[in-house]
Amino acid sequence: MSGGAAPDTLNPKDPDPMVTIVTRAVGALLALAGLALTVVGVWFATHLGGSGTAQFTLHPPAGRPVLVSPEVLNRVDADVTVSATAAGSGRVRMARANPSDATAVIGGAQHVEVTGVDVRDWTLRSVSRGTGEARGLGTADLWRQQVDGPGRVSLTVRQAQAPESLVVAAEGGRLSTLTLTVTDKRWFVEAVVAALVGLFLLVAGVVALWPRRRSAAAPVTDPQEVSR
């Protein structure tokens, strides 16, 4: 007697094709999310440094005072330091006050209002307002604090008296730059944590995407005798 070989059968260890597709799709999503989170975390950590210092800059149009709104000054719990530099031999004057008082002093004069920050290029967002001629800040009692001097002047706004506005103007020249600096060490820690979580997700996604070896099926033979 003679017998033929049994037909090939699927190895029970082979993964289900649908499960494989779903696993790889999830892996791709995890890898993309992890890569994005890692890049963002590393980027923020690099820019903030170990001290967690964020610095944003504006180059105001010539001859216009700058109004920094409470939405910027009092947006975070940390202290905010505003620095301004005059071009040439001009002097810089800064004054902080209640928002309504600062707006009343500016009136309808042409000015630049700082409305927010842009972390993509670390700049201050601003909009031009007013049509009249700008006037000096004066020494009215409405100002809670004033500083002035040649070249570069700085003023630190603390959050205890929020909300507040800050008016910056150049006398005998123009403002070259306006810089807002905020320091919070927690931001650096959060950036590092985000980068680590992103790296974990990236590795998990790559593992899910990595092709798995399929176990080779053992040959199946007819146990019957080939001949007597």
N, C-alpha and C. Protein backbone atom coordinates (compact mmCIF):
# COMPACT_ATOMS: atom_id res chain seq x y z
N MET A 1 0.85 -1.18 0.00
CA MET A 1 0.00 0.00 0.00
C MET A 1 0.89 1.25 0.00
N SER A 2 0.33 2.25 -0.49
CA SER A 2 1.05 3.54 -0.52
C SER A 2 0.08 4.64 -0.19
N GLY A 3 0.56 5.70 0.43
CA GLY A 3 -0.29 6.84 0.77
C GLY A 3 0.39 8.15 0.42
N GLY A 4 -0.39 9.17 0.08
CA GLY A 4 0.16 10.47 -0.28
C GLY A 4 0.31 11.36 0.94
N ALA A 5 1.01 12.44 0.78
CA ALA A 5 1.22 13.40 1.87
C ALA A 5 -0.06 14.14 2.16
N ALA A 6 -0.30 14.45 3.42
CA ALA A 6 -1.50 15.19 3.81
C ALA A 6 -1.39 16.63 3.33
N PRO A 7 -2.50 17.31 3.05
CA PRO A 7 -2.47 18.71 2.58
C PRO A 7 -1.89 19.61 3.66
N ASP A 8 -1.23 20.72 3.20
CA ASP A 8 -0.65 21.68 4.12
C ASP A 8 -1.73 22.31 4.99
N THR A 9 -1.41 22.54 6.23
CA THR A 9 -2.35 23.20 7.14
C THR A 9 -1.72 24.45 7.71
N LEU A 10 -2.55 25.41 8.13
CA LEU A 10 -2.05 26.66 8.70
C LEU A 10 -1.43 26.39 10.05
N ASN A 11 -0.34 26.99 10.29
CA ASN A 11 0.30 26.88 11.59
C ASN A 11 -0.54 27.63 12.62
N PRO A 12 -0.99 26.99 13.68
CA PRO A 12 -1.83 27.68 14.66
C PRO A 12 -1.11 28.84 15.34
N LYS A 13 0.22 28.91 15.22
CA LYS A 13 0.96 30.01 15.84
C LYS A 13 0.99 31.26 14.97
N ASP A 14 0.56 31.15 13.71
CA ASP A 14 0.55 32.32 12.84
C ASP A 14 -0.45 33.35 13.35
N PRO A 15 -0.08 34.65 13.38
CA PRO A 15 -1.01 35.67 13.87
C PRO A 15 -2.15 35.89 12.89
N ASP A 16 -3.29 36.28 13.44
CA ASP A 16 -4.44 36.57 12.60
C ASP A 16 -4.13 37.80 11.76
N PRO A 17 -4.40 37.77 10.44
CA PRO A 17 -4.08 38.91 9.58
C PRO A 17 -4.73 40.21 10.04
N MET A 18 -5.99 40.14 10.49
CA MET A 18 -6.69 41.35 10.94
C MET A 18 -6.03 41.94 12.18
N VAL A 19 -5.64 41.04 13.10
CA VAL A 19 -4.96 41.50 14.31
C VAL A 19 -3.64 42.18 13.94
N THR A 20 -2.94 41.62 12.98
CA THR A 20 -1.67 42.20 12.54
C THR A 20 -1.87 43.60 11.97
N ILE A 21 -2.91 43.78 11.16
CA ILE A 21 -3.19 45.08 10.55
C ILE A 21 -3.51 46.12 11.62
N VAL A 22 -4.38 45.73 12.57
CA VAL A 22 -4.77 46.65 13.64
C VAL A 22 -3.55 47.02 14.50
N THR A 23 -2.73 46.01 14.83
CA THR A 23 -1.55 46.26 15.66
C THR A 23 -0.60 47.23 14.99
N ARG A 24 -0.39 47.04 13.69
CA ARG A 24 0.53 47.93 12.99
C ARG A 24 -0.05 49.33 12.84
N ALA A 25 -1.37 49.44 12.67
CA ALA A 25 -2.00 50.76 12.59
C ALA A 25 -1.84 51.51 13.90
N VAL A 26 -2.09 50.80 15.00
CA VAL A 26 -1.91 51.42 16.32
C VAL A 26 -0.45 51.79 16.54
N GLY A 27 0.45 50.91 16.11
CA GLY A 27 1.88 51.19 16.25
C GLY A 27 2.28 52.44 15.49
N ALA A 28 1.73 52.59 14.28
CA ALA A 28 2.06 53.78 13.48
C ALA A 28 1.58 55.05 14.17
N LEU A 29 0.37 55.01 14.72
CA LEU A 29 -0.17 56.17 15.43
C LEU A 29 0.67 56.50 16.67
N LEU A 30 1.04 55.47 17.42
CA LEU A 30 1.87 55.69 18.61
C LEU A 30 3.23 56.27 18.23
N ALA A 31 3.82 55.75 17.15
CA ALA A 31 5.13 56.23 16.73
C ALA A 31 5.06 57.70 16.30
N LEU A 32 4.03 58.06 15.54
CA LEU A 32 3.89 59.45 15.10
C LEU A 32 3.65 60.40 16.28
N ALA A 33 2.74 59.98 17.18
CA ALA A 33 2.46 60.81 18.36
C ALA A 33 3.70 60.94 19.23
N GLY A 34 4.42 59.83 19.41
CA GLY A 34 5.63 59.86 20.22
C GLY A 34 6.71 60.74 19.61
N LEU A 35 6.86 60.67 18.29
CA LEU A 35 7.87 61.49 17.61
C LEU A 35 7.54 62.97 17.77
N ALA A 36 6.27 63.32 17.57
CA ALA A 36 5.86 64.73 17.70
C ALA A 36 6.08 65.24 19.12
N LEU A 37 5.68 64.43 20.11
CA LEU A 37 5.82 64.84 21.51
C LEU A 37 7.29 64.96 21.90
N THR A 38 8.12 64.05 21.39
CA THR A 38 9.55 64.11 21.69
C THR A 38 10.18 65.37 21.12
N VAL A 39 9.86 65.67 19.86
CA VAL A 39 10.42 66.85 19.22
C VAL A 39 9.99 68.13 19.95
N VAL A 40 8.70 68.22 20.28
CA VAL A 40 8.20 69.41 20.97
C VAL A 40 8.85 69.55 22.35
N GLY A 41 8.93 68.43 23.08
CA GLY A 41 9.54 68.47 24.41
C GLY A 41 10.99 68.90 24.37
N VAL A 42 11.77 68.32 23.45
CA VAL A 42 13.18 68.67 23.33
C VAL A 42 13.33 70.13 22.90
N TRP A 43 12.48 70.56 21.98
CA TRP A 43 12.55 71.94 21.47
C TRP A 43 12.30 72.95 22.60
N PHE A 44 11.25 72.71 23.40
CA PHE A 44 10.95 73.61 24.51
C PHE A 44 12.06 73.57 25.57
N ALA A 45 12.54 72.36 25.90
CA ALA A 45 13.59 72.24 26.90
C ALA A 45 14.85 72.97 26.47
N THR A 46 15.18 72.91 25.18
CA THR A 46 16.36 73.59 24.66
C THR A 46 16.23 75.10 24.77
N HIS A 47 15.05 75.62 24.42
CA HIS A 47 14.84 77.06 24.45
C HIS A 47 14.68 77.61 25.87
N LEU A 48 14.05 76.84 26.73
CA LEU A 48 13.81 77.32 28.09
C LEU A 48 15.06 77.21 28.97
N GLY A 49 15.89 76.20 28.71
CA GLY A 49 17.06 75.98 29.54
C GLY A 49 16.68 75.44 30.91
N GLY A 50 17.67 75.11 31.70
CA GLY A 50 17.41 74.53 33.01
C GLY A 50 16.68 75.46 33.96
N SER A 51 16.76 76.77 33.72
CA SER A 51 16.08 77.74 34.59
C SER A 51 14.61 77.92 34.22
N GLY A 52 14.21 77.41 33.05
CA GLY A 52 12.82 77.58 32.61
C GLY A 52 12.50 79.02 32.24
N THR A 53 13.42 79.68 31.54
CA THR A 53 13.24 81.09 31.18
C THR A 53 12.74 81.23 29.74
N ALA A 54 11.60 81.89 29.59
CA ALA A 54 11.03 82.16 28.28
C ALA A 54 11.19 83.65 27.98
N GLN A 55 11.67 83.98 26.80
CA GLN A 55 11.92 85.38 26.44
C GLN A 55 11.29 85.66 25.07
N PHE A 56 10.49 86.73 25.03
CA PHE A 56 9.79 87.10 23.80
C PHE A 56 10.14 88.55 23.43
N THR A 57 10.33 88.81 22.14
CA THR A 57 10.84 90.12 21.69
C THR A 57 9.92 90.76 20.66
N LEU A 58 9.88 92.10 20.69
CA LEU A 58 9.10 92.89 19.74
C LEU A 58 9.96 94.06 19.27
N HIS A 59 9.86 94.38 17.98
CA HIS A 59 10.52 95.56 17.42
C HIS A 59 9.42 96.55 17.03
N PRO A 60 9.08 97.49 17.92
CA PRO A 60 7.94 98.38 17.68
C PRO A 60 8.20 99.36 16.53
N PRO A 61 7.13 99.82 15.87
CA PRO A 61 7.29 100.86 14.85
C PRO A 61 7.83 102.14 15.47
N ALA A 62 8.57 102.90 14.71
CA ALA A 62 9.21 104.11 15.23
C ALA A 62 8.18 105.13 15.70
N GLY A 63 8.46 105.78 16.85
CA GLY A 63 7.65 106.88 17.32
C GLY A 63 6.35 106.51 18.01
N ARG A 64 6.11 105.24 18.27
CA ARG A 64 4.85 104.84 18.91
C ARG A 64 5.10 104.21 20.27
N PRO A 65 4.35 104.65 21.28
CA PRO A 65 4.46 103.99 22.58
C PRO A 65 3.86 102.59 22.51
N VAL A 66 4.22 101.77 23.48
CA VAL A 66 3.75 100.39 23.51
C VAL A 66 2.92 100.17 24.77
N LEU A 67 1.77 99.58 24.61
CA LEU A 67 0.91 99.24 25.74
C LEU A 67 0.90 97.72 25.89
N VAL A 68 1.33 97.23 27.04
CA VAL A 68 1.32 95.79 27.32
C VAL A 68 0.09 95.50 28.18
N SER A 69 -0.81 94.69 27.65
CA SER A 69 -2.10 94.46 28.30
C SER A 69 -2.01 93.44 29.43
N PRO A 70 -3.01 93.42 30.32
CA PRO A 70 -3.02 92.42 31.41
C PRO A 70 -3.07 90.99 30.90
N GLU A 71 -3.64 90.77 29.70
CA GLU A 71 -3.69 89.42 29.14
C GLU A 71 -2.30 88.85 28.91
N VAL A 72 -1.29 89.73 28.86
CA VAL A 72 0.10 89.30 28.71
C VAL A 72 0.84 89.37 30.04
N LEU A 73 0.71 90.51 30.73
CA LEU A 73 1.44 90.70 31.98
C LEU A 73 0.98 89.75 33.08
N ASN A 74 -0.31 89.50 33.14
CA ASN A 74 -0.88 88.72 34.25
C ASN A 74 -1.39 87.36 33.81
N ARG A 75 -0.83 86.84 32.75
CA ARG A 75 -1.29 85.56 32.22
C ARG A 75 -0.77 84.38 33.03
N VAL A 76 0.39 84.54 33.64
CA VAL A 76 0.99 83.46 34.43
C VAL A 76 1.19 83.93 35.87
N ASP A 77 1.47 82.98 36.76
CA ASP A 77 1.66 83.31 38.17
C ASP A 77 3.05 83.89 38.45
N ALA A 78 3.98 83.68 37.57
CA ALA A 78 5.35 84.12 37.80
C ALA A 78 5.52 85.62 37.53
N ASP A 79 6.61 86.17 38.07
CA ASP A 79 6.93 87.58 37.79
C ASP A 79 7.28 87.75 36.32
N VAL A 80 6.97 88.93 35.79
CA VAL A 80 7.24 89.23 34.38
C VAL A 80 8.16 90.45 34.32
N THR A 81 9.30 90.30 33.68
CA THR A 81 10.24 91.42 33.52
C THR A 81 10.17 91.95 32.10
N VAL A 82 9.90 93.24 31.98
CA VAL A 82 9.82 93.88 30.67
C VAL A 82 11.04 94.79 30.52
N SER A 83 11.78 94.63 29.44
CA SER A 83 12.95 95.44 29.15
C SER A 83 12.78 96.12 27.80
N ALA A 84 13.22 97.37 27.73
CA ALA A 84 13.12 98.12 26.48
C ALA A 84 14.44 98.82 26.21
N THR A 85 14.79 98.88 24.93
CA THR A 85 16.04 99.51 24.52
C THR A 85 15.73 100.62 23.54
N ALA A 86 16.31 101.79 23.78
CA ALA A 86 16.11 102.93 22.89
C ALA A 86 17.20 102.95 21.83
N ALA A 87 16.82 103.37 20.63
CA ALA A 87 17.81 103.50 19.56
C ALA A 87 18.58 104.80 19.74
N GLY A 88 19.85 104.78 19.48
CA GLY A 88 20.66 105.99 19.58
C GLY A 88 20.81 106.45 21.02
N SER A 89 20.66 107.76 21.21
CA SER A 89 20.84 108.35 22.53
C SER A 89 19.51 108.63 23.23
N GLY A 90 18.44 108.03 22.78
CA GLY A 90 17.13 108.28 23.37
C GLY A 90 16.99 107.69 24.76
N ARG A 91 15.98 108.15 25.46
CA ARG A 91 15.67 107.65 26.80
C ARG A 91 14.40 106.81 26.73
N VAL A 92 14.30 105.88 27.66
CA VAL A 92 13.13 105.00 27.73
C VAL A 92 12.40 105.28 29.04
N ARG A 93 11.08 105.38 28.96
CA ARG A 93 10.28 105.54 30.17
C ARG A 93 9.23 104.44 30.20
N MET A 94 9.12 103.79 31.35
CA MET A 94 8.10 102.77 31.58
C MET A 94 7.23 103.18 32.75
N ALA A 95 5.96 102.87 32.65
CA ALA A 95 5.04 103.18 33.74
C ALA A 95 3.95 102.11 33.79
N ARG A 96 3.66 101.62 34.97
CA ARG A 96 2.60 100.63 35.11
C ARG A 96 1.46 101.22 35.93
N ALA A 97 0.25 100.76 35.62
CA ALA A 97 -0.92 101.32 36.28
C ALA A 97 -2.10 100.39 36.10
N ASN A 98 -3.20 100.77 36.72
CA ASN A 98 -4.47 100.08 36.50
C ASN A 98 -4.78 100.13 35.00
N PRO A 99 -5.32 99.05 34.41
CA PRO A 99 -5.58 99.03 32.97
C PRO A 99 -6.39 100.21 32.46
N SER A 100 -7.43 100.59 33.19
CA SER A 100 -8.27 101.70 32.73
C SER A 100 -7.50 103.02 32.75
N ASP A 101 -6.62 103.23 33.75
CA ASP A 101 -5.82 104.45 33.81
C ASP A 101 -4.80 104.50 32.68
N ALA A 102 -4.16 103.37 32.40
CA ALA A 102 -3.18 103.33 31.31
C ALA A 102 -3.85 103.61 29.97
N THR A 103 -5.04 103.05 29.77
CA THR A 103 -5.77 103.28 28.52
C THR A 103 -6.18 104.73 28.40
N ALA A 104 -6.56 105.37 29.51
CA ALA A 104 -6.97 106.77 29.48
C ALA A 104 -5.80 107.68 29.10
N VAL A 105 -4.58 107.35 29.58
CA VAL A 105 -3.41 108.16 29.24
C VAL A 105 -3.08 108.02 27.75
N ILE A 106 -3.18 106.81 27.22
CA ILE A 106 -2.90 106.59 25.80
C ILE A 106 -3.95 107.28 24.94
N GLY A 107 -5.22 107.22 25.36
CA GLY A 107 -6.31 107.84 24.62
C GLY A 107 -6.41 107.31 23.19
N GLY A 108 -6.62 108.21 22.24
CA GLY A 108 -6.73 107.81 20.83
C GLY A 108 -5.45 107.94 20.07
N ALA A 109 -4.32 108.11 20.77
CA ALA A 109 -3.04 108.28 20.10
C ALA A 109 -2.58 106.99 19.44
N GLN A 110 -1.76 107.12 18.44
CA GLN A 110 -1.19 105.94 17.78
C GLN A 110 -0.29 105.20 18.78
N HIS A 111 -0.52 103.91 18.90
CA HIS A 111 0.31 103.12 19.80
C HIS A 111 0.27 101.66 19.36
N VAL A 112 1.15 100.88 19.94
CA VAL A 112 1.21 99.44 19.66
C VAL A 112 0.76 98.71 20.92
N GLU A 113 -0.21 97.83 20.78
CA GLU A 113 -0.68 97.05 21.93
C GLU A 113 -0.19 95.61 21.82
N VAL A 114 0.50 95.16 22.84
CA VAL A 114 0.97 93.77 22.90
C VAL A 114 -0.19 92.91 23.38
N THR A 115 -0.58 91.93 22.58
CA THR A 115 -1.76 91.13 22.87
C THR A 115 -1.48 89.68 23.22
N GLY A 116 -0.27 89.21 23.00
CA GLY A 116 0.04 87.80 23.28
C GLY A 116 1.47 87.46 22.91
N VAL A 117 1.78 86.17 22.98
CA VAL A 117 3.12 85.69 22.65
C VAL A 117 3.02 84.59 21.61
N ASP A 118 4.09 84.41 20.87
CA ASP A 118 4.18 83.36 19.85
C ASP A 118 5.40 82.51 20.16
N VAL A 119 5.17 81.27 20.58
CA VAL A 119 6.29 80.41 20.98
C VAL A 119 7.01 79.78 19.78
N ARG A 120 6.47 79.93 18.58
CA ARG A 120 7.15 79.35 17.42
C ARG A 120 8.44 80.08 17.12
N ASP A 121 8.42 81.42 17.21
CA ASP A 121 9.65 82.18 16.98
C ASP A 121 9.96 83.10 18.15
N TRP A 122 9.31 82.88 19.30
CA TRP A 122 9.58 83.60 20.54
C TRP A 122 9.48 85.11 20.34
N THR A 123 8.34 85.54 19.81
CA THR A 123 8.08 86.96 19.59
C THR A 123 6.79 87.36 20.31
N LEU A 124 6.62 88.66 20.46
CA LEU A 124 5.40 89.21 21.05
C LEU A 124 4.42 89.55 19.92
N ARG A 125 3.18 89.14 20.08
CA ARG A 125 2.15 89.52 19.12
C ARG A 125 1.65 90.92 19.45
N SER A 126 1.40 91.69 18.43
CA SER A 126 0.98 93.07 18.67
C SER A 126 0.04 93.54 17.57
N VAL A 127 -0.65 94.65 17.86
CA VAL A 127 -1.55 95.26 16.90
C VAL A 127 -1.44 96.77 17.05
N SER A 128 -1.49 97.50 15.94
CA SER A 128 -1.41 98.96 15.97
C SER A 128 -2.81 99.54 16.16
N ARG A 129 -2.94 100.53 17.04
CA ARG A 129 -4.23 101.16 17.32
C ARG A 129 -4.06 102.68 17.36
N GLY A 130 -5.19 103.38 17.24
CA GLY A 130 -5.21 104.83 17.38
C GLY A 130 -4.77 105.57 16.13
N THR A 131 -5.10 106.87 16.10
CA THR A 131 -4.75 107.71 14.95
C THR A 131 -4.13 109.03 15.37
N GLY A 132 -4.29 109.43 16.61
CA GLY A 132 -3.78 110.73 17.06
C GLY A 132 -2.29 110.71 17.36
N GLU A 133 -1.80 111.87 17.77
CA GLU A 133 -0.38 112.00 18.09
C GLU A 133 -0.12 111.56 19.52
N ALA A 134 0.93 110.77 19.71
CA ALA A 134 1.25 110.28 21.04
C ALA A 134 1.78 111.40 21.92
N ARG A 135 1.46 111.34 23.21
CA ARG A 135 1.94 112.35 24.14
C ARG A 135 2.79 111.68 25.23
N GLY A 136 3.47 112.49 26.01
CA GLY A 136 4.34 111.96 27.04
C GLY A 136 3.55 111.30 28.16
N LEU A 137 4.21 110.44 28.91
CA LEU A 137 3.53 109.73 29.98
C LEU A 137 3.28 110.62 31.19
N GLY A 138 4.11 111.64 31.38
CA GLY A 138 3.92 112.52 32.51
C GLY A 138 4.25 111.86 33.84
N THR A 139 3.96 112.57 34.91
CA THR A 139 4.26 112.06 36.25
C THR A 139 3.01 112.03 37.11
N ALA A 140 1.88 111.72 36.52
CA ALA A 140 0.62 111.72 37.27
C ALA A 140 0.64 110.67 38.36
N ASP A 141 -0.20 110.93 39.39
CA ASP A 141 -0.25 110.01 40.52
C ASP A 141 -0.87 108.65 40.17
N LEU A 142 -1.49 108.57 39.00
CA LEU A 142 -2.14 107.31 38.63
C LEU A 142 -1.13 106.19 38.38
N TRP A 143 0.12 106.55 38.10
CA TRP A 143 1.12 105.52 37.85
C TRP A 143 1.54 104.87 39.17
N ARG A 144 1.51 103.56 39.23
CA ARG A 144 1.94 102.84 40.43
C ARG A 144 3.46 102.75 40.52
N GLN A 145 4.12 102.77 39.37
CA GLN A 145 5.58 102.71 39.34
C GLN A 145 6.07 103.26 38.01
N GLN A 146 7.16 104.00 38.05
CA GLN A 146 7.77 104.54 36.84
C GLN A 146 9.28 104.33 36.90
N VAL A 147 9.86 104.01 35.77
CA VAL A 147 11.31 103.95 35.63
C VAL A 147 11.68 104.60 34.30
N ASP A 148 12.81 105.26 34.25
CA ASP A 148 13.27 105.84 32.99
C ASP A 148 14.79 105.96 33.02
N GLY A 149 15.36 106.02 31.83
CA GLY A 149 16.80 106.14 31.73
C GLY A 149 17.25 105.99 30.29
N PRO A 150 18.51 106.28 30.02
CA PRO A 150 19.04 106.14 28.66
C PRO A 150 19.35 104.69 28.32
N GLY A 151 19.32 104.40 27.05
CA GLY A 151 19.69 103.04 26.63
C GLY A 151 18.64 102.00 26.94
N ARG A 152 18.95 101.14 27.91
CA ARG A 152 18.08 100.01 28.24
C ARG A 152 17.51 100.16 29.65
N VAL A 153 16.20 99.94 29.77
CA VAL A 153 15.49 100.06 31.04
C VAL A 153 14.65 98.81 31.26
N SER A 154 14.57 98.35 32.51
CA SER A 154 13.78 97.16 32.84
C SER A 154 12.86 97.44 34.02
N LEU A 155 11.74 96.74 34.04
CA LEU A 155 10.79 96.84 35.14
C LEU A 155 10.16 95.47 35.34
N THR A 156 10.10 95.03 36.60
CA THR A 156 9.52 93.73 36.91
C THR A 156 8.12 93.90 37.47
N VAL A 157 7.18 93.21 36.83
CA VAL A 157 5.78 93.27 37.25
C VAL A 157 5.47 92.01 38.06
N ARG A 158 5.04 92.21 39.29
CA ARG A 158 4.65 91.09 40.14
C ARG A 158 3.14 90.94 40.09
N GLN A 159 2.67 89.75 40.41
CA GLN A 159 1.25 89.45 40.20
C GLN A 159 0.35 89.86 41.37
N ALA A 160 0.93 90.41 42.44
CA ALA A 160 0.15 90.73 43.64
C ALA A 160 -0.91 91.79 43.37
N GLN A 161 -0.64 92.72 42.41
CA GLN A 161 -1.56 93.81 42.14
C GLN A 161 -2.29 93.65 40.82
N ALA A 162 -2.31 92.46 40.28
CA ALA A 162 -2.99 92.21 39.00
C ALA A 162 -4.49 92.51 39.14
N PRO A 163 -5.12 92.99 38.02
CA PRO A 163 -4.55 93.20 36.68
C PRO A 163 -3.87 94.56 36.54
N GLU A 164 -2.85 94.59 35.70
CA GLU A 164 -2.11 95.82 35.45
C GLU A 164 -1.74 95.93 33.97
N SER A 165 -1.52 97.18 33.56
CA SER A 165 -1.02 97.44 32.21
C SER A 165 0.30 98.19 32.32
N LEU A 166 1.11 98.08 31.29
CA LEU A 166 2.41 98.75 31.26
C LEU A 166 2.52 99.55 29.98
N VAL A 167 2.93 100.82 30.13
CA VAL A 167 3.14 101.69 28.97
C VAL A 167 4.62 101.97 28.84
N VAL A 168 5.15 101.79 27.64
CA VAL A 168 6.57 102.01 27.37
C VAL A 168 6.70 103.00 26.23
N ALA A 169 7.52 104.02 26.42
CA ALA A 169 7.70 105.03 25.39
C ALA A 169 9.15 105.49 25.35
N ALA A 170 9.57 105.98 24.19
CA ALA A 170 10.93 106.50 24.02
C ALA A 170 10.84 108.02 23.89
N GLU A 171 11.74 108.68 24.56
CA GLU A 171 11.80 110.14 24.50
C GLU A 171 13.11 110.55 23.84
N GLY A 172 13.00 111.38 22.81
CA GLY A 172 14.19 111.80 22.08
C GLY A 172 14.75 110.73 21.18
N GLY A 173 13.96 109.78 20.80
CA GLY A 173 14.40 108.70 19.93
C GLY A 173 13.25 107.73 19.67
N ARG A 174 13.58 106.50 19.50
CA ARG A 174 12.55 105.49 19.27
C ARG A 174 12.94 104.20 19.97
N LEU A 175 11.94 103.36 20.22
CA LEU A 175 12.20 102.06 20.83
C LEU A 175 12.78 101.12 19.80
N SER A 176 13.90 100.52 20.14
CA SER A 176 14.53 99.56 19.24
C SER A 176 13.95 98.16 19.47
N THR A 177 13.92 97.73 20.73
CA THR A 177 13.37 96.41 21.06
C THR A 177 12.60 96.48 22.37
N LEU A 178 11.64 95.60 22.50
CA LEU A 178 10.91 95.40 23.74
C LEU A 178 10.94 93.91 24.02
N THR A 179 11.40 93.54 25.21
CA THR A 179 11.55 92.12 25.55
C THR A 179 10.78 91.80 26.82
N LEU A 180 10.07 90.70 26.79
CA LEU A 180 9.32 90.22 27.94
C LEU A 180 9.94 88.89 28.38
N THR A 181 10.30 88.80 29.66
CA THR A 181 10.98 87.61 30.18
C THR A 181 10.20 87.04 31.36
N VAL A 182 9.94 85.74 31.30
CA VAL A 182 9.24 85.02 32.38
C VAL A 182 10.05 83.78 32.72
N THR A 183 10.22 83.52 34.01
CA THR A 183 10.99 82.36 34.46
C THR A 183 10.13 81.48 35.36
N ASP A 184 10.05 80.22 35.00
CA ASP A 184 9.32 79.23 35.81
C ASP A 184 10.01 77.88 35.59
N LYS A 185 10.71 77.37 36.61
CA LYS A 185 11.46 76.12 36.47
C LYS A 185 10.58 74.93 36.14
N ARG A 186 9.29 75.01 36.50
CA ARG A 186 8.39 73.90 36.21
C ARG A 186 8.25 73.67 34.72
N TRP A 187 8.38 74.72 33.92
CA TRP A 187 8.24 74.57 32.48
C TRP A 187 9.32 73.67 31.91
N PHE A 188 10.54 73.81 32.40
CA PHE A 188 11.63 72.95 31.91
C PHE A 188 11.36 71.49 32.29
N VAL A 189 10.92 71.28 33.53
CA VAL A 189 10.62 69.91 33.98
C VAL A 189 9.51 69.31 33.13
N GLU A 190 8.47 70.09 32.87
CA GLU A 190 7.35 69.60 32.06
C GLU A 190 7.81 69.28 30.65
N ALA A 191 8.72 70.08 30.10
CA ALA A 191 9.23 69.82 28.75
C ALA A 191 10.03 68.52 28.71
N VAL A 192 10.85 68.29 29.73
CA VAL A 192 11.63 67.05 29.78
C VAL A 192 10.72 65.84 29.93
N VAL A 193 9.70 65.95 30.79
CA VAL A 193 8.75 64.84 30.96
C VAL A 193 8.04 64.54 29.64
N ALA A 194 7.63 65.59 28.94
CA ALA A 194 6.96 65.41 27.65
C ALA A 194 7.87 64.69 26.66
N ALA A 195 9.15 65.06 26.65
CA ALA A 195 10.10 64.40 25.74
C ALA A 195 10.27 62.92 26.09
N LEU A 196 10.32 62.60 27.38
CA LEU A 196 10.49 61.20 27.80
C LEU A 196 9.25 60.38 27.48
N VAL A 197 8.06 60.95 27.73
CA VAL A 197 6.82 60.24 27.39
C VAL A 197 6.75 60.02 25.88
N GLY A 198 7.13 61.03 25.11
CA GLY A 198 7.13 60.88 23.66
C GLY A 198 8.09 59.81 23.20
N LEU A 199 9.26 59.74 23.83
CA LEU A 199 10.24 58.71 23.46
C LEU A 199 9.70 57.32 23.76
N PHE A 200 9.00 57.18 24.90
CA PHE A 200 8.41 55.88 25.26
C PHE A 200 7.37 55.47 24.22
N LEU A 201 6.50 56.42 23.83
CA LEU A 201 5.47 56.12 22.83
C LEU A 201 6.11 55.77 21.49
N LEU A 202 7.19 56.47 21.15
CA LEU A 202 7.87 56.20 19.89
C LEU A 202 8.43 54.78 19.85
N VAL A 203 9.07 54.38 20.93
CA VAL A 203 9.64 53.02 21.01
C VAL A 203 8.52 51.98 20.96
N ALA A 204 7.43 52.22 21.70
CA ALA A 204 6.31 51.28 21.69
C ALA A 204 5.72 51.15 20.30
N GLY A 205 5.61 52.26 19.59
CA GLY A 205 5.08 52.22 18.23
C GLY A 205 5.97 51.47 17.28
N VAL A 206 7.28 51.67 17.40
CA VAL A 206 8.22 50.97 16.52
C VAL A 206 8.19 49.48 16.78
N VAL A 207 8.07 49.08 18.05
CA VAL A 207 7.99 47.66 18.40
C VAL A 207 6.75 47.03 17.78
N ALA A 208 5.62 47.77 17.82
CA ALA A 208 4.38 47.25 17.25
C ALA A 208 4.46 47.14 15.73
N LEU A 209 5.23 48.04 15.12
CA LEU A 209 5.35 48.03 13.67
C LEU A 209 6.36 47.00 13.17
N TRP A 210 7.28 46.57 14.04
CA TRP A 210 8.35 45.67 13.60
C TRP A 210 7.78 44.33 13.15
N PRO A 211 8.11 43.88 11.96
CA PRO A 211 7.56 42.60 11.47
C PRO A 211 7.99 41.43 12.33
N ARG A 212 7.02 40.65 12.74
CA ARG A 212 7.30 39.48 13.56
C ARG A 212 7.56 38.25 12.70
N ARG A 213 8.49 37.43 13.13
CA ARG A 213 8.76 36.20 12.38
C ARG A 213 7.64 35.20 12.57
N ARG A 214 7.27 34.60 11.50
CA ARG A 214 6.23 33.57 11.56
C ARG A 214 6.90 32.22 11.74
N SER A 215 6.42 31.45 12.68
CA SER A 215 6.99 30.12 12.95
C SER A 215 6.77 29.21 11.76
N ALA A 216 7.82 28.51 11.36
CA ALA A 216 7.69 27.61 10.22
C ALA A 216 6.86 26.40 10.63
N ALA A 217 5.94 25.97 9.75
CA ALA A 217 5.06 24.84 10.04
C ALA A 217 5.84 23.54 9.86
N ALA A 218 5.69 22.65 10.82
CA ALA A 218 6.37 21.35 10.72
C ALA A 218 5.69 20.53 9.64
N PRO A 219 6.45 19.85 8.81
CA PRO A 219 5.84 19.05 7.74
C PRO A 219 4.97 17.94 8.33
N VAL A 220 3.81 17.74 7.71
CA VAL A 220 2.87 16.71 8.16
C VAL A 220 2.94 15.55 7.17
N THR A 221 3.23 14.34 7.66
CA THR A 221 3.35 13.16 6.78
C THR A 221 2.27 12.15 7.13
N ASP A 222 2.01 11.27 6.18
CA ASP A 222 1.01 10.22 6.38
C ASP A 222 1.62 9.16 7.27
N PRO A 223 1.02 8.89 8.43
CA PRO A 223 1.59 7.89 9.34
C PRO A 223 1.45 6.46 8.84
N GLN A 224 0.64 6.24 7.79
CA GLN A 224 0.44 4.87 7.31
C GLN A 224 1.71 4.34 6.67
N GLU A 225 1.84 3.09 6.69
CA GLU A 225 3.01 2.44 6.08
C GLU A 225 2.95 2.62 4.56
N VAL A 226 4.07 2.81 3.98
CA VAL A 226 4.11 2.95 2.54
C VAL A 226 3.95 1.60 1.87
N SER A 227 4.49 0.55 2.49
CA SER A 227 4.34 -0.79 1.91
C SER A 227 4.41 -1.83 3.00
N ARG A 228 3.93 -2.95 2.71
CA ARG A 228 4.00 -4.09 3.60
C ARG A 228 5.09 -5.03 3.13
